[in-house]
């Protein structure tokens, strides 16, 4: 059905902490200056991407997954949802401090197939920008006491980041993206968030957002364990491939192209986001231009493809 990239249209999500960088940095037409997220490769019901080209143009990625599993080498008995979700997040203000459950908790308690392990590639960051990543409690009893007493300054662990940094966030990790940071997030296809702390912020109507302290206490890993993903770099022609993480749910890479590179598709399908520059992709003699802000899937059935140009990509597969 497709011997070409499947291009996807982003779905935008407005957030209390969102800003305008999805427009200024990616030239997207955003709904407001509080646009926090672009779901750029998504089959999740809360924001499914629309296919822009080919015989399924106008259909959602979820439609393609459900009705044309051959595009993903999906077995007929696989009834679970599309496994991954790719987002770009613009934090014009601090995100709430949160934690996500693992698969077992998500299935048993929330009746959804996936928990949420995620990872972030920092696209840009203001000087001195920080993330919340982990906590200082040594026992669950201490975690619960510090949460109940609002000892956030003592509990939360902060990490300064810059453009090009990579952060792996397994389920059970307390975390928050800080003000002034734009990231590309690769995650399991889940929208379950347990909010731990929201800086006592109120919306325009004076309402604070709901917290989920009891669920957070249940799913947080104690003590916190720093997750270190071993990175390796290889080269194919003029393409530098940096493997950022290879874990249970996904493998994620940063590609830096300066010229030409020919590759074979060795996975069931490949997700590709262009984060800088311009390039072309050629499959069976058909050439398509791609640029910063393009997001597409190379489906099962594509054999070999040629990339040419100068561009950077975040690439992922299950």
C-alpha atoms as a PDB file:
ATOM      1  CA  UNK A   1       0.000   0.000   0.000  1.00  0.00           C
ATOM      2  CA  UNK A   2       2.821   2.425   0.860  1.00  0.00           C
ATOM      3  CA  UNK A   3       6.285   2.290  -0.601  1.00  0.00           C
ATOM      4  CA  UNK A   4       6.906   5.813   0.650  1.00  0.00           C
ATOM      5  CA  UNK A   5       6.987   7.688   3.955  1.00  0.00           C
ATOM      6  CA  UNK A   6       3.657   8.095   5.778  1.00  0.00           C
ATOM      7  CA  UNK A   7       3.566  11.776   6.747  1.00  0.00           C
ATOM      8  CA  UNK A   8       1.555  12.845   9.794  1.00  0.00           C
ATOM      9  CA  UNK A   9      -0.059  16.122  10.818  1.00  0.00           C
ATOM     10  CA  UNK A  10       0.608  17.249  14.414  1.00  0.00           C
ATOM     11  CA  UNK A  11      -2.227  17.495  16.939  1.00  0.00           C
ATOM     12  CA  UNK A  12      -1.839  20.462  19.296  1.00  0.00           C
ATOM     13  CA  UNK A  13      -2.672  20.494  22.990  1.00  0.00           C
ATOM     14  CA  UNK A  14      -3.092  23.734  24.932  1.00  0.00           C
ATOM     15  CA  UNK A  15      -1.646  23.702  28.446  1.00  0.00           C
ATOM     16  CA  UNK A  16      -1.466  26.141  31.370  1.00  0.00           C
ATOM     17  CA  UNK A  17       2.336  26.041  31.022  1.00  0.00           C
ATOM     18  CA  UNK A  18       2.474  26.248  27.204  1.00  0.00           C
ATOM     19  CA  UNK A  19       3.903  28.984  25.000  1.00  0.00           C
ATOM     20  CA  UNK A  20       4.589  29.988  21.384  1.00  0.00           C
ATOM     21  CA  UNK A  21       7.807  28.167  20.506  1.00  0.00           C
ATOM     22  CA  UNK A  22       6.028  25.484  18.505  1.00  0.00           C
ATOM     23  CA  UNK A  23       5.267  28.332  16.110  1.00  0.00           C
ATOM     24  CA  UNK A  24       8.511  30.275  16.338  1.00  0.00           C
ATOM     25  CA  UNK A  25      10.838  27.260  16.263  1.00  0.00           C
ATOM     26  CA  UNK A  26       8.869  24.883  14.000  1.00  0.00           C
ATOM     27  CA  UNK A  27       6.645  27.231  11.991  1.00  0.00           C
ATOM     28  CA  UNK A  28       3.511  25.358  13.067  1.00  0.00           C
ATOM     29  CA  UNK A  29       0.162  27.127  13.063  1.00  0.00           C
ATOM     30  CA  UNK A  30      -0.782  26.811  16.734  1.00  0.00           C
ATOM     31  CA  UNK A  31      -4.168  27.467  18.381  1.00  0.00           C
ATOM     32  CA  UNK A  32      -2.904  29.952  21.014  1.00  0.00           C
ATOM     33  CA  UNK A  33       0.126  31.257  22.896  1.00  0.00           C
ATOM     34  CA  UNK A  34      -0.557  28.583  25.523  1.00  0.00           C
ATOM     35  CA  UNK A  35       0.209  25.673  23.198  1.00  0.00           C
ATOM     36  CA  UNK A  36       2.226  23.208  25.216  1.00  0.00           C
ATOM     37  CA  UNK A  37       2.313  20.054  23.127  1.00  0.00           C
ATOM     38  CA  UNK A  38       2.380  18.880  19.530  1.00  0.00           C
ATOM     39  CA  UNK A  39       1.506  15.181  19.307  1.00  0.00           C
ATOM     40  CA  UNK A  40       3.435  14.566  16.122  1.00  0.00           C
ATOM     41  CA  UNK A  41       3.209  10.767  15.782  1.00  0.00           C
ATOM     42  CA  UNK A  42       0.186   9.569  17.700  1.00  0.00           C
ATOM     43  CA  UNK A  43      -2.522   6.935  17.518  1.00  0.00           C
ATOM     44  CA  UNK A  44      -3.752   7.705  21.041  1.00  0.00           C
ATOM     45  CA  UNK A  45      -7.498   8.475  21.272  1.00  0.00           C
ATOM     46  CA  UNK A  46      -6.771  11.778  23.052  1.00  0.00           C
ATOM     47  CA  UNK A  47      -4.953  13.110  19.983  1.00  0.00           C
ATOM     48  CA  UNK A  48      -4.577  10.852  16.937  1.00  0.00           C
ATOM     49  CA  UNK A  49      -2.394  12.118  14.087  1.00  0.00           C
ATOM     50  CA  UNK A  50      -3.922  12.498  10.624  1.00  0.00           C
ATOM     51  CA  UNK A  51      -2.168  10.904   7.642  1.00  0.00           C
ATOM     52  CA  UNK A  52      -1.322  13.530   5.031  1.00  0.00           C
ATOM     53  CA  UNK A  53      -0.392  11.508   1.943  1.00  0.00           C
ATOM     54  CA  UNK A  54      -1.073   8.356  -0.022  1.00  0.00           C
ATOM     55  CA  UNK A  55      -4.137   6.097  -0.127  1.00  0.00           C
ATOM     56  CA  UNK A  56      -4.932   6.632   3.576  1.00  0.00           C
ATOM     57  CA  UNK A  57      -4.754  10.451   3.464  1.00  0.00           C
ATOM     58  CA  UNK A  58      -7.314  11.897   5.871  1.00  0.00           C
ATOM     59  CA  UNK A  59      -7.402   8.747   8.010  1.00  0.00           C
ATOM     60  CA  UNK A  60      -5.874   8.606  11.470  1.00  0.00           C
ATOM     61  CA  UNK A  61      -2.783   6.654  12.407  1.00  0.00           C
ATOM     62  CA  UNK A  62      -5.077   4.589  14.649  1.00  0.00           C
ATOM     63  CA  UNK A  63      -7.174   3.710  11.567  1.00  0.00           C
ATOM     64  CA  UNK A  64      -4.046   2.562   9.769  1.00  0.00           C
ATOM     65  CA  UNK A  65      -2.932   0.466  12.753  1.00  0.00           C
ATOM     66  CA  UNK A  66      -6.326  -1.159  13.186  1.00  0.00           C
ATOM     67  CA  UNK A  67      -7.233  -1.702   9.521  1.00  0.00           C
ATOM     68  CA  UNK A  68      -3.892  -2.059   7.765  1.00  0.00           C
ATOM     69  CA  UNK A  69      -1.625  -3.872  10.180  1.00  0.00           C
ATOM     70  CA  UNK A  70       0.594  -4.985   7.300  1.00  0.00           C
ATOM     71  CA  UNK A  71       2.060  -1.459   7.247  1.00  0.00           C
ATOM     72  CA  UNK A  72       3.620  -2.206  10.643  1.00  0.00           C
ATOM     73  CA  UNK A  73       4.186  -5.957  10.247  1.00  0.00           C
ATOM     74  CA  UNK A  74       1.536  -6.307  12.923  1.00  0.00           C
ATOM     75  CA  UNK A  75       0.378  -9.857  13.590  1.00  0.00           C
ATOM     76  CA  UNK A  76      -3.329 -10.539  13.212  1.00  0.00           C
ATOM     77  CA  UNK A  77      -3.741 -11.522  16.869  1.00  0.00           C
ATOM     78  CA  UNK A  78      -2.100  -8.351  18.202  1.00  0.00           C
ATOM     79  CA  UNK A  79      -5.090  -6.414  19.543  1.00  0.00           C
ATOM     80  CA  UNK A  80      -3.180  -3.859  21.610  1.00  0.00           C
ATOM     81  CA  UNK A  81      -2.965  -0.260  20.559  1.00  0.00           C
ATOM     82  CA  UNK A  82      -0.197   1.411  18.566  1.00  0.00           C
ATOM     83  CA  UNK A  83       2.725   1.224  21.005  1.00  0.00           C
ATOM     84  CA  UNK A  84       4.495   4.609  20.813  1.00  0.00           C
ATOM     85  CA  UNK A  85       3.685   8.319  20.997  1.00  0.00           C
ATOM     86  CA  UNK A  86       5.989  11.143  19.911  1.00  0.00           C
ATOM     87  CA  UNK A  87       5.481  14.699  21.181  1.00  0.00           C
ATOM     88  CA  UNK A  88       7.224  18.058  21.106  1.00  0.00           C
ATOM     89  CA  UNK A  89       6.705  20.024  24.331  1.00  0.00           C
ATOM     90  CA  UNK A  90       7.224  23.760  24.866  1.00  0.00           C
ATOM     91  CA  UNK A  91       7.521  24.587  28.565  1.00  0.00           C
ATOM     92  CA  UNK A  92       7.035  28.351  28.819  1.00  0.00           C
ATOM     93  CA  UNK A  93       6.455  27.682  32.523  1.00  0.00           C
ATOM     94  CA  UNK A  94       7.244  24.754  34.828  1.00  0.00           C
ATOM     95  CA  UNK A  95       5.194  21.631  34.220  1.00  0.00           C
ATOM     96  CA  UNK A  96       3.545  20.019  37.216  1.00  0.00           C
ATOM     97  CA  UNK A  97       5.617  17.445  39.079  1.00  0.00           C
ATOM     98  CA  UNK A  98       4.233  14.049  38.120  1.00  0.00           C
ATOM     99  CA  UNK A  99       4.786  10.315  37.951  1.00  0.00           C
ATOM    100  CA  UNK A 100       3.491   7.559  35.666  1.00  0.00           C
ATOM    101  CA  UNK A 101       2.580   3.927  36.425  1.00  0.00           C
ATOM    102  CA  UNK A 102       4.050   0.808  34.850  1.00  0.00           C
ATOM    103  CA  UNK A 103       2.106  -1.491  32.517  1.00  0.00           C
ATOM    104  CA  UNK A 104       0.824  -3.790  35.250  1.00  0.00           C
ATOM    105  CA  UNK A 105      -0.581  -0.951  37.354  1.00  0.00           C
ATOM    106  CA  UNK A 106      -2.100   0.701  34.276  1.00  0.00           C
ATOM    107  CA  UNK A 107      -3.884  -2.512  33.309  1.00  0.00           C
ATOM    108  CA  UNK A 108      -5.017  -3.468  36.795  1.00  0.00           C
ATOM    109  CA  UNK A 109      -6.118  -0.017  37.999  1.00  0.00           C
ATOM    110  CA  UNK A 110      -6.763   2.154  34.923  1.00  0.00           C
ATOM    111  CA  UNK A 111      -7.874  -0.598  32.505  1.00  0.00           C
ATOM    112  CA  UNK A 112      -5.594   0.622  29.709  1.00  0.00           C
ATOM    113  CA  UNK A 113      -2.907  -1.436  27.936  1.00  0.00           C
ATOM    114  CA  UNK A 114       0.151   0.714  28.616  1.00  0.00           C
ATOM    115  CA  UNK A 115       1.809   2.476  31.490  1.00  0.00           C
ATOM    116  CA  UNK A 116       4.270   5.202  30.635  1.00  0.00           C
ATOM    117  CA  UNK A 117       8.003   5.013  30.276  1.00  0.00           C
ATOM    118  CA  UNK A 118       9.371   7.960  28.315  1.00  0.00           C
ATOM    119  CA  UNK A 119      12.532   9.762  27.262  1.00  0.00           C
ATOM    120  CA  UNK A 120      13.389  13.316  26.273  1.00  0.00           C
ATOM    121  CA  UNK A 121      15.777  14.842  23.752  1.00  0.00           C
ATOM    122  CA  UNK A 122      16.339  18.488  24.676  1.00  0.00           C
ATOM    123  CA  UNK A 123      15.843  20.600  21.542  1.00  0.00           C
ATOM    124  CA  UNK A 124      16.483  23.944  23.236  1.00  0.00           C
ATOM    125  CA  UNK A 125      16.906  25.250  26.758  1.00  0.00           C
ATOM    126  CA  UNK A 126      17.378  28.679  28.273  1.00  0.00           C
ATOM    127  CA  UNK A 127      20.545  29.162  30.277  1.00  0.00           C
ATOM    128  CA  UNK A 128      20.237  27.550  33.694  1.00  0.00           C
ATOM    129  CA  UNK A 129      17.033  25.651  32.833  1.00  0.00           C
ATOM    130  CA  UNK A 130      16.295  22.725  35.137  1.00  0.00           C
ATOM    131  CA  UNK A 131      14.292  19.510  35.209  1.00  0.00           C
ATOM    132  CA  UNK A 132      12.852  17.701  38.187  1.00  0.00           C
ATOM    133  CA  UNK A 133      14.181  14.156  37.927  1.00  0.00           C
ATOM    134  CA  UNK A 134      13.770  11.917  40.926  1.00  0.00           C
ATOM    135  CA  UNK A 135      13.538  12.474  44.675  1.00  0.00           C
ATOM    136  CA  UNK A 136      15.616  12.275  47.843  1.00  0.00           C
ATOM    137  CA  UNK A 137      13.406  10.021  49.998  1.00  0.00           C
ATOM    138  CA  UNK A 138      15.121   6.811  51.083  1.00  0.00           C
ATOM    139  CA  UNK A 139      11.987   4.881  52.178  1.00  0.00           C
ATOM    140  CA  UNK A 140       8.361   4.895  51.116  1.00  0.00           C
ATOM    141  CA  UNK A 141       7.367   6.062  54.581  1.00  0.00           C
ATOM    142  CA  UNK A 142       9.699   9.046  54.225  1.00  0.00           C
ATOM    143  CA  UNK A 143       8.315   9.768  50.736  1.00  0.00           C
ATOM    144  CA  UNK A 144       4.758   9.765  52.050  1.00  0.00           C
ATOM    145  CA  UNK A 145       5.632  12.016  54.977  1.00  0.00           C
ATOM    146  CA  UNK A 146       7.431  14.564  52.788  1.00  0.00           C
ATOM    147  CA  UNK A 147       4.559  14.600  50.286  1.00  0.00           C
ATOM    148  CA  UNK A 148       1.950  15.008  53.033  1.00  0.00           C
ATOM    149  CA  UNK A 149       3.925  17.849  54.624  1.00  0.00           C
ATOM    150  CA  UNK A 150       4.624  19.616  51.322  1.00  0.00           C
ATOM    151  CA  UNK A 151       8.407  19.389  51.758  1.00  0.00           C
ATOM    152  CA  UNK A 152       8.949  19.839  48.028  1.00  0.00           C
ATOM    153  CA  UNK A 153      12.274  21.688  48.195  1.00  0.00           C
ATOM    154  CA  UNK A 154      13.770  18.854  50.220  1.00  0.00           C
ATOM    155  CA  UNK A 155      12.059  16.041  48.306  1.00  0.00           C
ATOM    156  CA  UNK A 156      12.551  16.912  44.658  1.00  0.00           C
ATOM    157  CA  UNK A 157      15.813  16.313  42.833  1.00  0.00           C
ATOM    158  CA  UNK A 158      16.693  18.870  40.126  1.00  0.00           C
ATOM    159  CA  UNK A 159      19.036  18.597  37.158  1.00  0.00           C
ATOM    160  CA  UNK A 160      20.274  21.402  34.874  1.00  0.00           C
ATOM    161  CA  UNK A 161      20.052  20.662  31.136  1.00  0.00           C
ATOM    162  CA  UNK A 162      21.091  22.156  27.789  1.00  0.00           C
ATOM    163  CA  UNK A 163      20.259  21.567  24.136  1.00  0.00           C
ATOM    164  CA  UNK A 164      21.354  18.111  22.976  1.00  0.00           C
ATOM    165  CA  UNK A 165      20.957  16.428  26.373  1.00  0.00           C
ATOM    166  CA  UNK A 166      19.050  13.159  26.584  1.00  0.00           C
ATOM    167  CA  UNK A 167      17.024  12.005  29.594  1.00  0.00           C
ATOM    168  CA  UNK A 168      15.523   8.532  30.111  1.00  0.00           C
ATOM    169  CA  UNK A 169      12.483   8.473  32.426  1.00  0.00           C
ATOM    170  CA  UNK A 170      11.238   4.984  33.392  1.00  0.00           C
ATOM    171  CA  UNK A 171       7.766   4.588  34.865  1.00  0.00           C
ATOM    172  CA  UNK A 172       7.788   5.293  38.601  1.00  0.00           C
ATOM    173  CA  UNK A 173      10.158   8.269  38.226  1.00  0.00           C
ATOM    174  CA  UNK A 174       9.007  11.585  39.704  1.00  0.00           C
ATOM    175  CA  UNK A 175       9.741  14.217  37.063  1.00  0.00           C
ATOM    176  CA  UNK A 176       8.864  17.592  35.560  1.00  0.00           C
ATOM    177  CA  UNK A 177      10.086  19.615  32.605  1.00  0.00           C
ATOM    178  CA  UNK A 178      11.195  23.074  33.715  1.00  0.00           C
ATOM    179  CA  UNK A 179      10.517  26.526  32.340  1.00  0.00           C
ATOM    180  CA  UNK A 180      12.411  27.470  29.191  1.00  0.00           C
ATOM    181  CA  UNK A 181      12.885  23.938  27.841  1.00  0.00           C
ATOM    182  CA  UNK A 182      11.660  22.460  24.544  1.00  0.00           C
ATOM    183  CA  UNK A 183      11.914  18.687  24.194  1.00  0.00           C
ATOM    184  CA  UNK A 184      11.041  15.896  21.820  1.00  0.00           C
ATOM    185  CA  UNK A 185       9.506  13.099  23.864  1.00  0.00           C
ATOM    186  CA  UNK A 186       9.367   9.449  22.889  1.00  0.00           C
ATOM    187  CA  UNK A 187       7.027   7.459  25.115  1.00  0.00           C
ATOM    188  CA  UNK A 188       4.699   4.536  25.382  1.00  0.00           C
ATOM    189  CA  UNK A 189       1.286   5.393  23.960  1.00  0.00           C
ATOM    190  CA  UNK A 190      -0.280   6.338  27.281  1.00  0.00           C
ATOM    191  CA  UNK A 191      -1.861   9.479  28.709  1.00  0.00           C
ATOM    192  CA  UNK A 192      -1.919   8.455  32.378  1.00  0.00           C
ATOM    193  CA  UNK A 193      -0.398  11.132  34.603  1.00  0.00           C
ATOM    194  CA  UNK A 194      -0.502  11.279  38.380  1.00  0.00           C
ATOM    195  CA  UNK A 195       0.099  14.874  39.419  1.00  0.00           C
ATOM    196  CA  UNK A 196       2.234  15.181  42.558  1.00  0.00           C
ATOM    197  CA  UNK A 197       2.668  18.948  42.899  1.00  0.00           C
ATOM    198  CA  UNK A 198       1.598  21.944  40.801  1.00  0.00           C
ATOM    199  CA  UNK A 199       3.214  24.913  42.580  1.00  0.00           C
ATOM    200  CA  UNK A 200      -0.246  25.877  43.935  1.00  0.00           C
ATOM    201  CA  UNK A 201      -1.098  27.420  40.555  1.00  0.00           C
ATOM    202  CA  UNK A 202      -4.628  28.498  39.684  1.00  0.00           C
ATOM    203  CA  UNK A 203      -6.171  28.884  36.245  1.00  0.00           C
ATOM    204  CA  UNK A 204      -8.004  31.977  34.982  1.00  0.00           C
ATOM    205  CA  UNK A 205     -11.086  31.005  36.979  1.00  0.00           C
ATOM    206  CA  UNK A 206      -9.094  30.612  40.189  1.00  0.00           C
ATOM    207  CA  UNK A 207      -9.231  26.805  40.198  1.00  0.00           C
ATOM    208  CA  UNK A 208      -6.204  24.694  41.061  1.00  0.00           C
ATOM    209  CA  UNK A 209      -5.579  21.460  39.196  1.00  0.00           C
ATOM    210  CA  UNK A 210      -6.316  18.110  40.795  1.00  0.00           C
ATOM    211  CA  UNK A 211      -3.472  16.291  42.517  1.00  0.00           C
ATOM    212  CA  UNK A 212      -3.164  12.505  42.724  1.00  0.00           C
ATOM    213  CA  UNK A 213      -1.059  12.021  45.847  1.00  0.00           C
ATOM    214  CA  UNK A 214      -2.315   8.583  46.849  1.00  0.00           C
ATOM    215  CA  UNK A 215      -1.766   7.092  43.391  1.00  0.00           C
ATOM    216  CA  UNK A 216       1.624   8.832  43.248  1.00  0.00           C
ATOM    217  CA  UNK A 217       2.688   7.262  46.521  1.00  0.00           C
ATOM    218  CA  UNK A 218       1.733   3.835  45.167  1.00  0.00           C
ATOM    219  CA  UNK A 219       3.635   3.974  41.881  1.00  0.00           C
ATOM    220  CA  UNK A 220       6.769   6.012  42.699  1.00  0.00           C
ATOM    221  CA  UNK A 221       9.998   4.009  42.774  1.00  0.00           C
ATOM    222  CA  UNK A 222      11.664   4.274  46.208  1.00  0.00           C
ATOM    223  CA  UNK A 223      14.507   4.980  46.546  1.00  0.00           C
ATOM    224  CA  UNK A 224      14.941   6.843  43.270  1.00  0.00           C
ATOM    225  CA  UNK A 225      17.247   5.122  40.808  1.00  0.00           C
ATOM    226  CA  UNK A 226      19.080   7.225  38.220  1.00  0.00           C
ATOM    227  CA  UNK A 227      18.574   5.690  34.788  1.00  0.00           C
ATOM    228  CA  UNK A 228      21.735   5.724  32.690  1.00  0.00           C
ATOM    229  CA  UNK A 229      21.290   4.720  29.066  1.00  0.00           C
ATOM    230  CA  UNK A 230      24.493   3.545  27.390  1.00  0.00           C
ATOM    231  CA  UNK A 231      25.020   5.528  24.189  1.00  0.00           C
ATOM    232  CA  UNK A 232      26.983   4.368  21.150  1.00  0.00           C
ATOM    233  CA  UNK A 233      27.816   6.050  17.838  1.00  0.00           C
ATOM    234  CA  UNK A 234      28.177   4.409  14.432  1.00  0.00           C
ATOM    235  CA  UNK A 235      28.437   5.779  10.884  1.00  0.00           C
ATOM    236  CA  UNK A 236      26.783   4.818   7.614  1.00  0.00           C
ATOM    237  CA  UNK A 237      28.128   6.847   4.701  1.00  0.00           C
ATOM    238  CA  UNK A 238      27.597  10.509   5.702  1.00  0.00           C
ATOM    239  CA  UNK A 239      25.195   9.687   8.545  1.00  0.00           C
ATOM    240  CA  UNK A 240      26.308   9.662  12.199  1.00  0.00           C
ATOM    241  CA  UNK A 241      23.978   7.453  14.235  1.00  0.00           C
ATOM    242  CA  UNK A 242      23.991   7.957  18.011  1.00  0.00           C
ATOM    243  CA  UNK A 243      21.960   5.327  19.852  1.00  0.00           C
ATOM    244  CA  UNK A 244      20.459   7.190  22.800  1.00  0.00           C
ATOM    245  CA  UNK A 245      18.603   4.332  24.473  1.00  0.00           C
ATOM    246  CA  UNK A 246      17.695   0.714  23.757  1.00  0.00           C
ATOM    247  CA  UNK A 247      15.254  -0.536  26.347  1.00  0.00           C
ATOM    248  CA  UNK A 248      12.166  -2.719  26.722  1.00  0.00           C
ATOM    249  CA  UNK A 249       9.666  -0.366  25.102  1.00  0.00           C
ATOM    250  CA  UNK A 250      11.635   1.523  22.481  1.00  0.00           C
ATOM    251  CA  UNK A 251      14.980   2.245  20.896  1.00  0.00           C
ATOM    252  CA  UNK A 252      15.754   5.910  20.172  1.00  0.00           C
ATOM    253  CA  UNK A 253      18.517   7.435  18.054  1.00  0.00           C
ATOM    254  CA  UNK A 254      19.869  10.837  17.097  1.00  0.00           C
ATOM    255  CA  UNK A 255      20.906  10.949  13.439  1.00  0.00           C
ATOM    256  CA  UNK A 256      23.149  13.687  12.035  1.00  0.00           C
ATOM    257  CA  UNK A 257      23.227  13.732   8.225  1.00  0.00           C
ATOM    258  CA  UNK A 258      25.857  15.686   6.298  1.00  0.00           C
ATOM    259  CA  UNK A 259      25.657  14.394   2.743  1.00  0.00           C
ATOM    260  CA  UNK A 260      24.162  11.065   1.658  1.00  0.00           C
ATOM    261  CA  UNK A 261      23.408   7.756   3.323  1.00  0.00           C
ATOM    262  CA  UNK A 262      21.708   4.653   2.002  1.00  0.00           C
ATOM    263  CA  UNK A 263      20.067   2.276   4.475  1.00  0.00           C
ATOM    264  CA  UNK A 264      17.838  -0.765   4.575  1.00  0.00           C
ATOM    265  CA  UNK A 265      14.737  -0.802   6.779  1.00  0.00           C
ATOM    266  CA  UNK A 266      15.585  -3.511   9.292  1.00  0.00           C
ATOM    267  CA  UNK A 267      12.677  -2.942  11.711  1.00  0.00           C
ATOM    268  CA  UNK A 268       8.949  -3.550  11.407  1.00  0.00           C
ATOM    269  CA  UNK A 269       8.547   0.213  10.955  1.00  0.00           C
ATOM    270  CA  UNK A 270      10.545   3.327  11.762  1.00  0.00           C
ATOM    271  CA  UNK A 271       9.407   6.680  13.213  1.00  0.00           C
ATOM    272  CA  UNK A 272      11.404   9.714  12.058  1.00  0.00           C
ATOM    273  CA  UNK A 273      11.220  13.356  13.181  1.00  0.00           C
ATOM    274  CA  UNK A 274      13.305  16.058  11.502  1.00  0.00           C
ATOM    275  CA  UNK A 275      14.561  18.394  14.243  1.00  0.00           C
ATOM    276  CA  UNK A 276      16.983  20.557  12.242  1.00  0.00           C
ATOM    277  CA  UNK A 277      17.829  21.307   8.625  1.00  0.00           C
ATOM    278  CA  UNK A 278      16.508  20.116   5.283  1.00  0.00           C
ATOM    279  CA  UNK A 279      16.934  16.878   3.370  1.00  0.00           C
ATOM    280  CA  UNK A 280      15.418  14.525   0.836  1.00  0.00           C
ATOM    281  CA  UNK A 281      14.392  10.902   1.138  1.00  0.00           C
ATOM    282  CA  UNK A 282      14.360   8.688  -1.952  1.00  0.00           C
ATOM    283  CA  UNK A 283      12.576   5.325  -2.147  1.00  0.00           C
ATOM    284  CA  UNK A 284      12.404   3.381  -5.429  1.00  0.00           C
ATOM    285  CA  UNK A 285      13.357   6.459  -7.405  1.00  0.00           C
ATOM    286  CA  UNK A 286      10.741   8.741  -5.818  1.00  0.00           C
ATOM    287  CA  UNK A 287      12.250  11.695  -3.956  1.00  0.00           C
ATOM    288  CA  UNK A 288      10.427  13.643  -1.234  1.00  0.00           C
ATOM    289  CA  UNK A 289      11.624  16.805   0.510  1.00  0.00           C
ATOM    290  CA  UNK A 290      11.672  16.847   4.302  1.00  0.00           C
ATOM    291  CA  UNK A 291      12.538  19.656   6.718  1.00  0.00           C
ATOM    292  CA  UNK A 292      12.579  20.652  10.360  1.00  0.00           C
ATOM    293  CA  UNK A 293       9.116  19.887  11.720  1.00  0.00           C
ATOM    294  CA  UNK A 294       8.432  16.948   9.375  1.00  0.00           C
ATOM    295  CA  UNK A 295       7.348  13.697  11.025  1.00  0.00           C
ATOM    296  CA  UNK A 296       6.788  10.420   9.239  1.00  0.00           C
ATOM    297  CA  UNK A 297       6.789   6.648   9.468  1.00  0.00           C
ATOM    298  CA  UNK A 298       8.702   4.339   7.153  1.00  0.00           C
ATOM    299  CA  UNK A 299       6.276   1.419   6.937  1.00  0.00           C
ATOM    300  CA  UNK A 300       6.957  -2.286   6.649  1.00  0.00           C
ATOM    301  CA  UNK A 301       7.504  -3.073   2.993  1.00  0.00           C
ATOM    302  CA  UNK A 302       9.991  -0.287   2.370  1.00  0.00           C
ATOM    303  CA  UNK A 303      13.271  -2.010   1.569  1.00  0.00           C
ATOM    304  CA  UNK A 304      16.022   0.530   0.978  1.00  0.00           C
ATOM    305  CA  UNK A 305      15.969   4.313   1.272  1.00  0.00           C
ATOM    306  CA  UNK A 306      18.412   7.123   0.546  1.00  0.00           C
ATOM    307  CA  UNK A 307      18.765  10.248   2.682  1.00  0.00           C
ATOM    308  CA  UNK A 308      20.534  13.294   1.287  1.00  0.00           C
ATOM    309  CA  UNK A 309      21.082  16.782   2.673  1.00  0.00           C
ATOM    310  CA  UNK A 310      22.095  18.323   5.987  1.00  0.00           C
ATOM    311  CA  UNK A 311      19.663  17.570   8.799  1.00  0.00           C
ATOM    312  CA  UNK A 312      19.242  16.099  12.262  1.00  0.00           C
ATOM    313  CA  UNK A 313      16.633  13.498  13.159  1.00  0.00           C
ATOM    314  CA  UNK A 314      15.224  11.708  16.185  1.00  0.00           C
ATOM    315  CA  UNK A 315      14.405   8.162  15.135  1.00  0.00           C
ATOM    316  CA  UNK A 316      12.639   5.428  17.090  1.00  0.00           C
ATOM    317  CA  UNK A 317      11.206   1.944  16.829  1.00  0.00           C
ATOM    318  CA  UNK A 318       9.792  -0.730  19.114  1.00  0.00           C
END
